[in-house]
Structure formats: structure tokens, C-alpha cells
Amino acid sequence: MAGRCGSDTGATIFRVTDSKVTAALRLPDAESALQLAHIHHELAATE
């Protein structure tokens, strides 16, 4: 998932396992976060 944090223009992708955030990756903008999230989603679908 990607979302805006505060008033800056960065975005964060969170990994959630068993209803807990287990990792967070900060990216410079929402477009970068959405691209990475899409790639991760596609890879996960092939496992």
C-alpha cells in the first residue's frame, strides 16, 4: 500500500504480515511507490 505522509510529497510502502506492519520503504513520490507496489503485487501473484 502507498500513501502520503504529512505535508511532504514523499510516499511510503508498508508490508503487513499478520495484521502488523513488518517493513516500510520511503520513496520520493507517489508514482514511484505505486510502480514498485505494482511490481511487488505481480511477483507475489506468481508465487
N, C-alpha and C. Protein backbone atom coordinates (compact mmCIF):
# COMPACT_ATOMS: atom_id res chain seq x y z
N MET A 1 0.85 -1.15 0.00
CA MET A 1 0.00 0.00 0.00
C MET A 1 0.90 1.21 0.00
N ALA A 2 0.47 2.29 -0.66
CA ALA A 2 1.23 3.54 -0.66
C ALA A 2 0.33 4.64 -0.16
N GLY A 3 0.91 5.60 0.49
CA GLY A 3 0.12 6.70 1.00
C GLY A 3 0.98 7.91 1.29
N ARG A 4 0.34 9.05 1.36
CA ARG A 4 1.05 10.29 1.67
C ARG A 4 1.23 10.41 3.17
N CYS A 5 2.35 10.95 3.55
CA CYS A 5 2.66 11.14 4.96
C CYS A 5 2.96 12.61 5.21
N GLY A 6 2.23 13.24 6.09
CA GLY A 6 2.49 14.64 6.42
C GLY A 6 2.26 15.55 5.24
N SER A 7 2.99 16.67 5.21
CA SER A 7 2.78 17.65 4.15
C SER A 7 3.81 17.55 3.04
N ASP A 8 4.76 16.59 3.14
CA ASP A 8 5.75 16.45 2.08
C ASP A 8 5.17 15.68 0.91
N THR A 9 5.94 15.50 -0.14
CA THR A 9 5.42 14.83 -1.32
C THR A 9 5.91 13.40 -1.43
N GLY A 10 6.60 12.89 -0.42
CA GLY A 10 7.07 11.52 -0.44
C GLY A 10 5.94 10.53 -0.23
N ALA A 11 6.27 9.26 -0.42
CA ALA A 11 5.28 8.20 -0.23
C ALA A 11 5.96 7.03 0.46
N THR A 12 5.18 6.25 1.17
CA THR A 12 5.71 5.10 1.89
C THR A 12 4.92 3.85 1.52
N ILE A 13 5.65 2.77 1.25
CA ILE A 13 5.03 1.47 1.02
C ILE A 13 5.22 0.67 2.31
N PHE A 14 4.14 0.07 2.79
CA PHE A 14 4.20 -0.73 4.01
C PHE A 14 3.98 -2.19 3.66
N ARG A 15 4.72 -3.08 4.33
CA ARG A 15 4.46 -4.52 4.23
C ARG A 15 3.77 -4.92 5.52
N VAL A 16 2.67 -5.65 5.38
CA VAL A 16 1.87 -6.06 6.54
C VAL A 16 1.84 -7.59 6.58
N THR A 17 2.16 -8.14 7.75
CA THR A 17 2.11 -9.57 7.97
C THR A 17 1.35 -9.81 9.27
N ASP A 18 0.35 -10.66 9.20
CA ASP A 18 -0.46 -10.96 10.39
C ASP A 18 -0.98 -9.70 11.06
N SER A 19 -1.49 -8.77 10.27
CA SER A 19 -2.08 -7.52 10.74
C SER A 19 -1.09 -6.58 11.42
N LYS A 20 0.21 -6.78 11.18
CA LYS A 20 1.23 -5.90 11.76
C LYS A 20 2.14 -5.39 10.65
N VAL A 21 2.52 -4.13 10.73
CA VAL A 21 3.47 -3.57 9.77
C VAL A 21 4.83 -4.19 10.06
N THR A 22 5.42 -4.86 9.07
CA THR A 22 6.70 -5.53 9.27
C THR A 22 7.83 -4.84 8.51
N ALA A 23 7.49 -3.90 7.63
CA ALA A 23 8.52 -3.15 6.91
C ALA A 23 7.88 -1.91 6.31
N ALA A 24 8.70 -0.90 6.11
CA ALA A 24 8.25 0.33 5.45
C ALA A 24 9.38 0.83 4.56
N LEU A 25 9.04 1.24 3.37
CA LEU A 25 10.01 1.75 2.41
C LEU A 25 9.58 3.14 1.98
N ARG A 26 10.42 4.13 2.21
CA ARG A 26 10.12 5.52 1.88
C ARG A 26 10.62 5.82 0.48
N LEU A 27 9.75 6.36 -0.36
CA LEU A 27 10.10 6.72 -1.73
C LEU A 27 9.82 8.20 -1.96
N PRO A 28 10.46 8.78 -2.99
CA PRO A 28 10.36 10.23 -3.17
C PRO A 28 9.00 10.75 -3.62
N ASP A 29 8.19 9.88 -4.26
CA ASP A 29 6.89 10.36 -4.73
C ASP A 29 5.91 9.19 -4.86
N ALA A 30 4.65 9.53 -4.99
CA ALA A 30 3.59 8.51 -5.07
C ALA A 30 3.73 7.66 -6.32
N GLU A 31 4.14 8.24 -7.44
CA GLU A 31 4.28 7.47 -8.67
C GLU A 31 5.31 6.35 -8.51
N SER A 32 6.44 6.65 -7.90
CA SER A 32 7.46 5.63 -7.66
C SER A 32 6.93 4.54 -6.75
N ALA A 33 6.20 4.94 -5.71
CA ALA A 33 5.64 3.96 -4.78
C ALA A 33 4.62 3.06 -5.47
N LEU A 34 3.78 3.63 -6.29
CA LEU A 34 2.77 2.83 -6.99
C LEU A 34 3.41 1.88 -7.99
N GLN A 35 4.45 2.31 -8.68
CA GLN A 35 5.16 1.43 -9.62
C GLN A 35 5.77 0.24 -8.88
N LEU A 36 6.43 0.50 -7.78
CA LEU A 36 7.04 -0.57 -7.00
C LEU A 36 5.98 -1.50 -6.42
N ALA A 37 4.90 -0.95 -5.92
CA ALA A 37 3.82 -1.76 -5.36
C ALA A 37 3.22 -2.66 -6.44
N HIS A 38 3.07 -2.14 -7.65
CA HIS A 38 2.52 -2.93 -8.75
C HIS A 38 3.45 -4.10 -9.09
N ILE A 39 4.74 -3.83 -9.16
CA ILE A 39 5.71 -4.89 -9.45
C ILE A 39 5.66 -5.95 -8.35
N HIS A 40 5.64 -5.52 -7.11
CA HIS A 40 5.59 -6.47 -5.99
C HIS A 40 4.31 -7.31 -6.06
N HIS A 41 3.20 -6.67 -6.36
CA HIS A 41 1.92 -7.39 -6.46
C HIS A 41 1.98 -8.45 -7.55
N GLU A 42 2.53 -8.09 -8.69
CA GLU A 42 2.63 -9.05 -9.80
C GLU A 42 3.55 -10.21 -9.43
N LEU A 43 4.67 -9.94 -8.78
CA LEU A 43 5.58 -11.01 -8.37
C LEU A 43 4.92 -11.92 -7.34
N ALA A 44 4.21 -11.34 -6.39
CA ALA A 44 3.55 -12.13 -5.36
C ALA A 44 2.48 -13.04 -5.96
N ALA A 45 1.86 -12.59 -7.02
CA ALA A 45 0.79 -13.39 -7.66
C ALA A 45 1.35 -14.64 -8.35
N THR A 46 2.64 -14.65 -8.63
CA THR A 46 3.24 -15.80 -9.32
C THR A 46 3.82 -16.83 -8.35
N GLU A 47 3.80 -16.54 -7.05
CA GLU A 47 4.36 -17.48 -6.06
C GLU A 47 3.41 -18.60 -5.81
